[in-house]
Amino acid sequence: MGLPRGMRDIGADEAAGIESVRAAFAGTCALFGYTLVEPSTIELLSTLEAKAGPSIREDVYHFEDKGGRAVALRFDMTVGMARGAAGQRSLPVPARMAAFGGVWRYDEPQRGRYRHFHQWNVEVYGARGAEADAEVAEFTVRMLEALGMRGASIEVSHRAIAEAHVRGLAGGPEHAAELLRAVDRAQRRPEKAIVSECERRGIPREAVEGALLLARARGGVGEARDALGGGGGGAGWGELGAVMDSLARRGVECASVNLGIVRGLDYYSGTVFEAFGPDRSIGALAGGGRYDSLSEALGGQAMPAAGAAGGVERTLAALGAREAPARAHVAVVHVGDALGAEAGALASRIRQRGVAAVASLVQRPLARQIAAAERDGARAVVIVAPREWGEGKVVVRDMAARTESTVEAASVHAALGAALSSGTRE
């Protein structure tokens, strides 16, 4: 029995990695004052189409439920969170919300990306201006730092600048949306291939090549503007400059301008950004920006909004293989079948004291039980043996110090403190 293409079971190591990202995310949310929520897993297909048009059907898992309603699995957190926020007429603003969970996209599977994967997401509702945009961009950087990533960078752009540039090209107004998507793809694919694809769809070569100038406009705000020959963009340049100034004041030294960052989704209306790890072949690890019109498109009240989302599996791929942190837990082992139940009861009493403890559930020689406990990262092993148990005692082995002591079984938790606080075994 197999699985559908692009799906996979999540094993213990990957699950531990996902939980480590979840923990870092929860900690970063606490630092920034974001409240965790859980948007619905299933949305009405009409809700997704209101945001992205009928073509979204090609990118999502959609089906008819038993009531005959056209529904779809969520493909990001933003739509559900925006829908929920827009429906709260008394929502105090600015509202900072966050979510973490699985999403489903009918994309081509690729490195670090499956058709079911996990995202973290933060949103700020009811706040306009550069400070809100800079906050979600800073959150993205601090989130990667919380995971121990070194060499991350964040690249910032503005949709108004990009849209003004493509509209000014020959044939640009007619093909503006397609040209922006071509610029987005240029972050990951050779420009020659993109030009050929666009020409096959009837987009003039001159327009495509002109649009791709955005992908080369990088550095500071002034450098990017010079690369476009001044160009249009109106207030977009001032807003982009304000965001970059705010990031500099916040100590985000890895931020730069890249006008090729346009984000593929059409609902973005202002600042946009993407974050990368040191290995850019993996692609963007997170991205976001401003989308003031989204809540209204979903049938709610107009509400300014900015947010960011990150791919969990892709971030874990960027971090590379890392040794899982040792669990500060106790293994309770026993000698002989008769003491198996006593070992289980002792492990239960240790857990009731707030200490993680596992008991051996199968009968094995003592040496094999201890070897398994060491392999699982136990900091201490409690040995329940006939002679000591008959005296109301157990043996505690400190796996780091490689020492043993015999202690009263009733107070074994007190003897475990030193072993559980000891460092990594040599």
Protein backbone atom coordinates (compact mmCIF):
# COMPACT_ATOMS: atom_id res chain seq x y z
CA MET A 1 0.00 0.00 0.00
CA GLY A 2 1.43 3.34 -1.03
CA LEU A 3 0.61 7.03 -0.65
CA PRO A 4 -0.51 9.65 -3.19
CA ARG A 5 2.34 11.45 -4.92
CA GLY A 6 3.71 14.31 -2.87
CA MET A 7 2.54 12.85 0.46
CA ARG A 8 4.62 11.09 3.09
CA ASP A 9 4.44 9.78 6.62
CA ILE A 10 6.27 11.90 9.17
CA GLY A 11 8.77 9.84 11.14
CA ALA A 12 10.09 10.44 14.64
CA ASP A 13 13.14 12.50 13.61
CA GLU A 14 11.17 14.79 11.31
CA ALA A 15 8.39 15.15 13.86
CA ALA A 16 10.98 16.19 16.43
CA GLY A 17 12.33 18.76 13.97
CA ILE A 18 8.86 20.15 13.33
CA GLU A 19 8.26 20.42 17.07
CA SER A 20 11.56 22.27 17.50
CA VAL A 21 10.38 24.85 14.94
CA ARG A 22 7.01 25.05 16.69
CA ALA A 23 8.74 25.73 20.01
CA ALA A 24 10.97 28.43 18.48
CA PHE A 25 7.90 29.98 16.85
CA ALA A 26 5.92 30.01 20.10
CA GLY A 27 8.85 31.65 21.87
CA THR A 28 9.22 34.31 19.18
CA CYS A 29 5.47 34.98 19.26
CA ALA A 30 5.69 35.53 23.02
CA LEU A 31 8.54 38.01 22.53
CA PHE A 32 6.59 40.01 19.93
CA GLY A 33 3.17 39.74 21.58
CA TYR A 34 1.42 37.58 18.95
CA THR A 35 -1.55 35.45 20.05
CA LEU A 36 -1.81 31.92 18.66
CA VAL A 37 -5.03 30.95 16.85
CA GLU A 38 -6.02 28.00 14.63
CA PRO A 39 -7.77 28.79 11.31
CA SER A 40 -10.07 26.14 9.86
CA THR A 41 -8.49 23.30 7.93
CA ILE A 42 -11.32 23.38 5.35
CA GLU A 43 -12.52 26.50 3.54
CA LEU A 44 -15.33 27.04 1.08
CA LEU A 45 -13.84 26.89 -2.40
CA SER A 46 -15.61 30.18 -3.17
CA THR A 47 -13.58 31.83 -0.39
CA LEU A 48 -10.32 30.79 -2.02
CA GLU A 49 -11.59 31.79 -5.47
CA ALA A 50 -12.54 35.24 -4.17
CA LYS A 51 -8.91 35.70 -3.21
CA ALA A 52 -7.15 34.12 -6.15
CA GLY A 53 -9.70 33.53 -8.92
CA PRO A 54 -10.99 30.26 -10.45
CA SER A 55 -7.43 29.19 -11.38
CA ILE A 56 -6.82 28.40 -7.70
CA ARG A 57 -8.61 25.09 -8.35
CA GLU A 58 -5.45 23.87 -10.08
CA ASP A 59 -3.38 24.47 -6.95
CA VAL A 60 -5.56 23.14 -4.13
CA TYR A 61 -7.17 19.92 -2.96
CA HIS A 62 -10.87 20.59 -3.52
CA PHE A 63 -13.90 18.29 -3.36
CA GLU A 64 -17.63 18.22 -2.69
CA ASP A 65 -18.65 17.44 0.86
CA LYS A 66 -21.67 15.33 1.84
CA GLY A 67 -23.86 18.43 1.82
CA GLY A 68 -22.98 19.17 -1.79
CA ARG A 69 -20.78 22.15 -0.90
CA ALA A 70 -17.58 22.84 -2.86
CA VAL A 71 -14.81 22.96 -0.27
CA ALA A 72 -11.00 22.82 -0.23
CA LEU A 73 -8.18 22.11 2.18
CA ARG A 74 -6.42 25.29 3.26
CA PHE A 75 -3.37 26.10 1.17
CA ASP A 76 -2.07 28.77 3.53
CA MET A 77 -2.98 30.29 6.90
CA THR A 78 -3.43 33.85 5.65
CA VAL A 79 -6.84 33.40 4.01
CA GLY A 80 -8.42 31.77 7.06
CA MET A 81 -6.92 34.28 9.46
CA ALA A 82 -7.97 37.23 7.29
CA ARG A 83 -11.48 35.81 6.91
CA GLY A 84 -11.75 35.34 10.67
CA ALA A 85 -10.38 38.79 11.47
CA ALA A 86 -12.64 40.50 8.92
CA GLY A 87 -15.67 38.83 10.49
CA GLN A 88 -14.95 40.29 13.95
CA ARG A 89 -16.61 43.68 13.98
CA SER A 90 -15.26 44.51 17.43
CA LEU A 91 -11.70 43.31 16.83
CA PRO A 92 -9.35 45.54 18.84
CA VAL A 93 -6.60 46.88 16.62
CA PRO A 94 -3.79 46.57 16.05
CA ALA A 95 -4.40 42.83 16.41
CA ARG A 96 -1.40 40.52 16.35
CA MET A 97 -2.24 36.89 15.51
CA ALA A 98 -0.20 33.79 14.78
CA ALA A 99 -0.80 30.23 13.61
CA PHE A 100 1.18 27.04 13.08
CA GLY A 101 -0.03 23.96 11.25
CA GLY A 102 -0.36 21.87 8.12
CA VAL A 103 -1.35 23.17 4.68
CA TRP A 104 -2.02 21.39 1.39
CA ARG A 105 -1.02 22.48 -2.12
CA TYR A 106 -1.20 20.57 -5.37
CA ASP A 107 2.27 21.76 -6.39
CA GLU A 108 5.03 19.82 -8.05
CA PRO A 109 6.92 18.14 -5.17
CA GLN A 110 10.41 19.51 -4.70
CA ARG A 111 13.26 19.58 -2.23
CA GLY A 112 11.96 20.58 1.19
CA ARG A 113 8.37 20.86 -0.10
CA TYR A 114 5.66 18.25 -0.21
CA ARG A 115 1.99 18.58 -1.08
CA HIS A 116 1.29 18.47 2.63
CA PHE A 117 3.68 20.57 4.66
CA HIS A 118 3.74 22.88 7.66
CA GLN A 119 3.76 26.65 7.95
CA TRP A 120 4.15 29.23 10.65
CA ASN A 121 2.29 32.48 10.13
CA VAL A 122 1.99 35.90 11.77
CA GLU A 123 -0.46 38.69 10.90
CA VAL A 124 -1.00 42.27 12.05
CA TYR A 125 -4.47 43.71 11.41
CA GLY A 126 -5.54 47.33 11.65
CA ALA A 127 -2.10 48.95 11.33
CA ARG A 128 -0.90 50.91 8.31
CA GLY A 129 2.59 52.08 7.56
CA ALA A 130 6.20 51.05 7.58
CA GLU A 131 6.42 50.06 11.24
CA ALA A 132 3.94 47.21 10.92
CA ASP A 133 5.66 45.99 7.73
CA ALA A 134 9.05 46.19 9.40
CA GLU A 135 7.79 44.33 12.46
CA VAL A 136 6.68 41.25 10.53
CA ALA A 137 9.94 41.33 8.54
CA GLU A 138 11.94 41.56 11.76
CA PHE A 139 9.87 38.72 13.24
CA THR A 140 10.91 36.56 10.29
CA VAL A 141 14.60 37.23 10.91
CA ARG A 142 14.33 36.69 14.68
CA MET A 143 12.44 33.44 14.08
CA LEU A 144 15.31 32.09 11.96
CA GLU A 145 17.80 33.27 14.58
CA ALA A 146 15.82 31.45 17.28
CA LEU A 147 16.40 28.25 15.29
CA GLY A 148 20.14 28.87 15.30
CA MET A 149 20.40 29.73 11.61
CA ARG A 150 23.47 31.73 10.63
CA GLY A 151 23.86 33.63 7.39
CA ALA A 152 20.16 34.33 6.80
CA SER A 153 19.15 37.35 4.72
CA ILE A 154 15.91 39.19 4.00
CA GLU A 155 15.21 40.93 0.69
CA VAL A 156 12.55 43.64 0.47
CA SER A 157 10.56 45.15 -2.39
CA HIS A 158 7.31 47.03 -3.02
CA ARG A 159 4.48 45.92 -5.30
CA ALA A 160 3.57 49.48 -6.35
CA ILE A 161 7.06 49.96 -7.77
CA ALA A 162 6.98 46.65 -9.64
CA GLU A 163 3.47 47.20 -10.97
CA ALA A 164 4.26 50.73 -12.18
CA HIS A 165 7.36 49.43 -13.93
CA VAL A 166 5.59 46.65 -15.88
CA ARG A 167 2.66 48.91 -16.81
CA GLY A 168 5.14 51.31 -18.38
CA LEU A 169 6.46 48.66 -20.76
CA ALA A 170 5.26 48.12 -24.32
CA GLY A 171 2.42 45.64 -23.95
CA GLY A 172 2.82 45.81 -20.19
CA PRO A 173 -0.69 46.94 -19.21
CA GLU A 174 -2.24 44.01 -21.07
CA HIS A 175 0.08 41.44 -19.51
CA ALA A 176 0.90 43.08 -16.17
CA ALA A 177 -0.12 40.12 -13.96
CA GLU A 178 1.74 37.60 -16.12
CA LEU A 179 4.86 39.77 -16.20
CA LEU A 180 4.89 40.02 -12.41
CA ARG A 181 4.63 36.24 -12.15
CA ALA A 182 7.52 35.97 -14.62
CA VAL A 183 9.62 38.24 -12.40
CA ASP A 184 8.71 36.07 -9.40
CA ARG A 185 9.87 32.95 -11.26
CA ALA A 186 13.13 34.67 -12.19
CA GLN A 187 14.22 34.28 -8.57
CA ARG A 188 14.37 30.51 -9.16
CA ARG A 189 14.77 29.90 -12.89
CA PRO A 190 17.02 31.08 -15.76
CA GLU A 191 15.83 34.24 -17.47
CA LYS A 192 16.14 32.74 -20.96
CA ALA A 193 13.64 30.02 -20.06
CA ILE A 194 11.22 32.58 -18.69
CA VAL A 195 11.47 34.76 -21.81
CA SER A 196 10.78 31.74 -24.05
CA GLU A 197 7.77 30.69 -21.97
CA CYS A 198 6.27 34.17 -22.08
CA GLU A 199 6.81 34.50 -25.81
CA ARG A 200 4.92 31.24 -26.35
CA ARG A 201 2.00 32.81 -24.50
CA GLY A 202 2.04 35.84 -26.80
CA ILE A 203 3.82 38.28 -24.46
CA PRO A 204 6.28 40.53 -26.36
CA ARG A 205 9.93 39.73 -25.74
CA GLU A 206 10.67 43.41 -25.12
CA ALA A 207 8.09 43.52 -22.32
CA VAL A 208 9.48 40.39 -20.64
CA GLU A 209 13.08 41.59 -20.85
CA GLY A 210 12.04 44.98 -19.50
CA ALA A 211 10.17 43.37 -16.61
CA LEU A 212 13.17 41.25 -15.74
CA LEU A 213 15.15 44.43 -15.03
CA LEU A 214 13.35 44.29 -11.68
CA ALA A 215 15.19 41.09 -10.83
CA ARG A 216 18.52 42.91 -11.21
CA ALA A 217 17.58 46.01 -9.21
CA ARG A 218 19.25 45.32 -5.87
CA GLY A 219 21.22 46.86 -3.03
CA GLY A 220 20.01 50.00 -1.28
CA VAL A 221 16.90 51.96 -2.20
CA GLY A 222 18.90 54.46 -4.27
CA GLU A 223 20.81 51.73 -6.10
CA ALA A 224 17.62 49.90 -6.96
CA ARG A 225 15.98 53.08 -8.24
CA ASP A 226 18.99 53.88 -10.39
CA ALA A 227 18.89 50.35 -11.85
CA LEU A 228 15.38 51.08 -13.15
CA GLY A 229 16.37 54.48 -14.47
CA GLY A 230 14.30 56.31 -11.86
CA GLY A 231 11.04 54.70 -12.92
CA GLY A 232 7.56 55.09 -11.54
CA GLY A 233 6.24 53.76 -8.31
CA GLY A 234 5.12 57.00 -6.70
CA ALA A 235 4.72 56.66 -2.95
CA GLY A 236 6.09 53.13 -3.14
CA TRP A 237 9.66 54.41 -3.06
CA GLY A 238 9.03 56.40 0.10
CA GLU A 239 7.32 53.46 1.78
CA LEU A 240 10.14 51.12 0.79
CA GLY A 241 12.70 53.56 2.16
CA ALA A 242 10.76 53.87 5.43
CA VAL A 243 10.67 50.10 5.88
CA MET A 244 14.40 49.78 5.23
CA ASP A 245 15.14 52.62 7.67
CA SER A 246 13.00 50.93 10.33
CA LEU A 247 14.75 47.59 9.83
CA ALA A 248 18.12 49.33 10.21
CA ARG A 249 16.98 50.92 13.49
CA ARG A 250 15.84 47.51 14.68
CA GLY A 251 19.30 46.08 14.09
CA VAL A 252 18.27 43.87 11.14
CA GLU A 253 21.60 44.08 9.35
CA CYS A 254 20.84 41.32 6.83
CA ALA A 255 18.13 43.32 5.00
CA SER A 256 18.57 44.62 1.45
CA VAL A 257 16.40 45.75 -1.47
CA ASN A 258 15.62 43.31 -4.28
CA LEU A 259 12.88 44.59 -6.61
CA GLY A 260 12.64 41.12 -8.13
CA ILE A 261 10.78 40.02 -5.00
CA VAL A 262 7.16 40.49 -6.05
CA ARG A 263 5.51 37.40 -4.49
CA GLY A 264 3.34 35.30 -6.77
CA LEU A 265 0.02 36.01 -5.06
CA ASP A 266 -1.94 38.96 -6.43
CA TYR A 267 -3.37 40.13 -3.13
CA TYR A 268 -0.15 41.88 -2.04
CA SER A 269 -0.58 45.64 -2.18
CA GLY A 270 2.59 47.21 -0.75
CA THR A 271 5.78 45.99 0.92
CA VAL A 272 6.82 42.43 0.06
CA PHE A 273 9.82 40.45 1.27
CA GLU A 274 11.42 37.02 1.30
CA ALA A 275 13.96 35.47 3.67
CA PHE A 276 16.70 33.09 2.59
CA GLY A 277 19.17 30.84 4.31
CA PRO A 278 22.83 30.60 3.32
CA ASP A 279 21.97 27.86 0.77
CA ARG A 280 19.77 29.72 -1.70
CA SER A 281 19.23 26.61 -3.82
CA ILE A 282 16.56 25.61 -1.30
CA GLY A 283 14.62 28.78 -2.15
CA ALA A 284 12.91 31.26 0.14
CA LEU A 285 12.33 30.01 3.66
CA ALA A 286 9.70 32.63 4.46
CA GLY A 287 7.99 35.59 2.90
CA GLY A 288 5.25 38.10 3.35
CA GLY A 289 4.24 41.69 3.05
CA ARG A 290 1.22 43.98 3.05
CA TYR A 291 -2.25 43.04 1.76
CA ASP A 292 -4.76 45.71 2.69
CA SER A 293 -7.49 44.54 0.29
CA LEU A 294 -7.65 40.87 1.24
CA SER A 295 -10.24 41.05 4.01
CA GLU A 296 -12.61 43.02 1.76
CA ALA A 297 -12.13 40.51 -1.07
CA LEU A 298 -13.22 37.80 1.36
CA GLY A 299 -16.50 39.58 2.04
CA GLY A 300 -15.52 41.35 5.23
CA GLN A 301 -14.78 44.91 6.22
CA ALA A 302 -11.75 46.62 4.70
CA MET A 303 -8.82 46.26 7.09
CA PRO A 304 -5.12 47.05 6.64
CA ALA A 305 -3.00 43.95 7.15
CA ALA A 306 0.58 42.76 6.96
CA GLY A 307 2.00 39.35 7.65
CA ALA A 308 4.64 36.71 7.08
CA ALA A 309 4.71 32.94 6.68
CA GLY A 310 7.51 30.39 6.72
CA GLY A 311 7.83 26.84 5.43
CA VAL A 312 8.79 24.48 8.24
CA GLU A 313 10.15 21.53 6.24
CA ARG A 314 12.07 23.83 3.92
CA THR A 315 13.63 25.59 6.92
CA LEU A 316 14.62 22.25 8.44
CA ALA A 317 16.27 21.31 5.13
CA ALA A 318 18.20 24.59 5.22
CA LEU A 319 19.33 23.93 8.77
CA GLY A 320 20.66 20.53 7.72
CA ALA A 321 21.05 17.42 9.82
CA ARG A 322 21.36 18.33 13.45
CA GLU A 323 21.68 16.06 16.44
CA ALA A 324 18.43 16.00 18.38
CA PRO A 325 18.79 17.52 21.83
CA ALA A 326 19.11 14.93 24.55
CA ARG A 327 15.97 14.51 26.62
CA ALA A 328 16.51 14.93 30.33
CA HIS A 329 14.61 11.74 31.12
CA VAL A 330 14.94 8.71 33.32
CA ALA A 331 14.79 5.09 32.23
CA VAL A 332 13.52 2.58 34.80
CA VAL A 333 14.81 -0.93 34.10
CA HIS A 334 14.35 -4.15 36.00
CA VAL A 335 15.89 -7.56 36.60
CA GLY A 336 13.56 -10.50 36.11
CA ASP A 337 9.92 -10.78 35.03
CA ALA A 338 8.58 -10.43 38.57
CA LEU A 339 9.77 -6.82 38.92
CA GLY A 340 8.38 -5.49 35.63
CA ALA A 341 5.19 -4.22 37.27
CA GLU A 342 7.15 -2.63 40.11
CA ALA A 343 9.37 -0.81 37.60
CA GLY A 344 6.29 0.52 35.79
CA ALA A 345 4.76 1.76 39.04
CA LEU A 346 8.04 3.42 40.06
CA ALA A 347 8.26 5.20 36.71
CA SER A 348 4.72 6.46 37.28
CA ARG A 349 5.64 7.88 40.70
CA ILE A 350 8.68 9.62 39.19
CA ARG A 351 6.48 11.19 36.49
CA GLN A 352 4.07 12.43 39.15
CA ARG A 353 7.02 14.40 40.53
CA GLY A 354 7.31 16.19 37.16
CA VAL A 355 10.26 14.15 35.84
CA ALA A 356 10.05 12.42 32.44
CA ALA A 357 10.41 8.69 32.98
CA VAL A 358 9.94 5.57 30.86
CA ALA A 359 9.86 1.96 32.01
CA SER A 360 10.99 -1.05 30.02
CA LEU A 361 7.88 -2.86 28.78
CA VAL A 362 9.56 -6.00 27.48
CA GLN A 363 11.70 -8.53 29.27
CA ARG A 364 15.32 -8.25 28.19
CA PRO A 365 18.65 -8.84 29.88
CA LEU A 366 19.62 -5.89 32.08
CA ALA A 367 22.59 -4.94 29.89
CA ARG A 368 20.34 -4.63 26.82
CA GLN A 369 17.85 -2.50 28.73
CA ILE A 370 20.61 -0.13 29.84
CA ALA A 371 22.08 0.02 26.32
CA ALA A 372 18.66 0.92 24.93
CA ALA A 373 18.24 3.63 27.57
CA GLU A 374 21.61 5.13 26.64
CA ARG A 375 20.75 5.00 22.95
CA ASP A 376 17.51 6.87 23.68
CA GLY A 377 19.42 9.61 25.50
CA ALA A 378 18.46 8.84 29.11
CA ARG A 379 20.38 10.98 31.59
CA ALA A 380 19.79 8.53 34.43
CA VAL A 381 18.84 4.85 34.75
CA VAL A 382 17.00 3.51 37.79
CA ILE A 383 17.63 -0.21 38.26
CA VAL A 384 15.01 -2.28 40.08
CA ALA A 385 16.81 -5.45 41.19
CA PRO A 386 15.63 -8.21 43.57
CA ARG A 387 18.09 -7.71 46.44
CA GLU A 388 17.91 -3.91 46.57
CA TRP A 389 14.15 -3.88 46.01
CA GLY A 390 13.71 -6.30 48.88
CA GLU A 391 15.40 -3.68 51.08
CA GLY A 392 13.19 -0.87 49.72
CA LYS A 393 16.02 0.52 47.59
CA VAL A 394 17.01 0.99 43.94
CA VAL A 395 20.25 1.67 42.09
CA VAL A 396 20.59 5.03 40.28
CA ARG A 397 23.15 5.21 37.49
CA ASP A 398 24.26 8.70 36.34
CA MET A 399 24.88 8.18 32.62
CA ALA A 400 27.06 11.28 32.25
CA ALA A 401 29.27 10.78 35.30
CA ARG A 402 29.27 6.99 34.91
CA THR A 403 28.62 6.56 38.62
CA GLU A 404 26.11 4.52 40.61
CA SER A 405 24.50 4.95 44.01
CA THR A 406 21.97 2.95 46.00
CA VAL A 407 19.10 5.05 47.34
CA GLU A 408 15.75 4.62 49.04
CA ALA A 409 13.08 3.84 46.45
CA ALA A 410 10.61 6.17 48.18
CA SER A 411 12.91 9.17 47.66
CA VAL A 412 14.51 8.26 44.34
CA HIS A 413 13.33 11.52 42.76
CA ALA A 414 15.64 13.49 45.05
CA ALA A 415 18.62 11.43 43.93
CA LEU A 416 17.87 12.07 40.27
CA GLY A 417 18.47 15.83 40.38
CA ALA A 418 22.22 15.76 39.81
CA ALA A 419 22.02 13.28 36.94
CA LEU A 420 19.28 15.19 35.15
CA SER A 421 21.11 18.50 35.43
CA SER A 422 24.43 17.10 34.22
CA GLY A 423 25.84 18.05 30.84
CA THR A 424 26.10 16.07 27.66
CA ARG A 425 27.80 12.72 28.03
CA GLU A 426 31.34 12.54 26.83
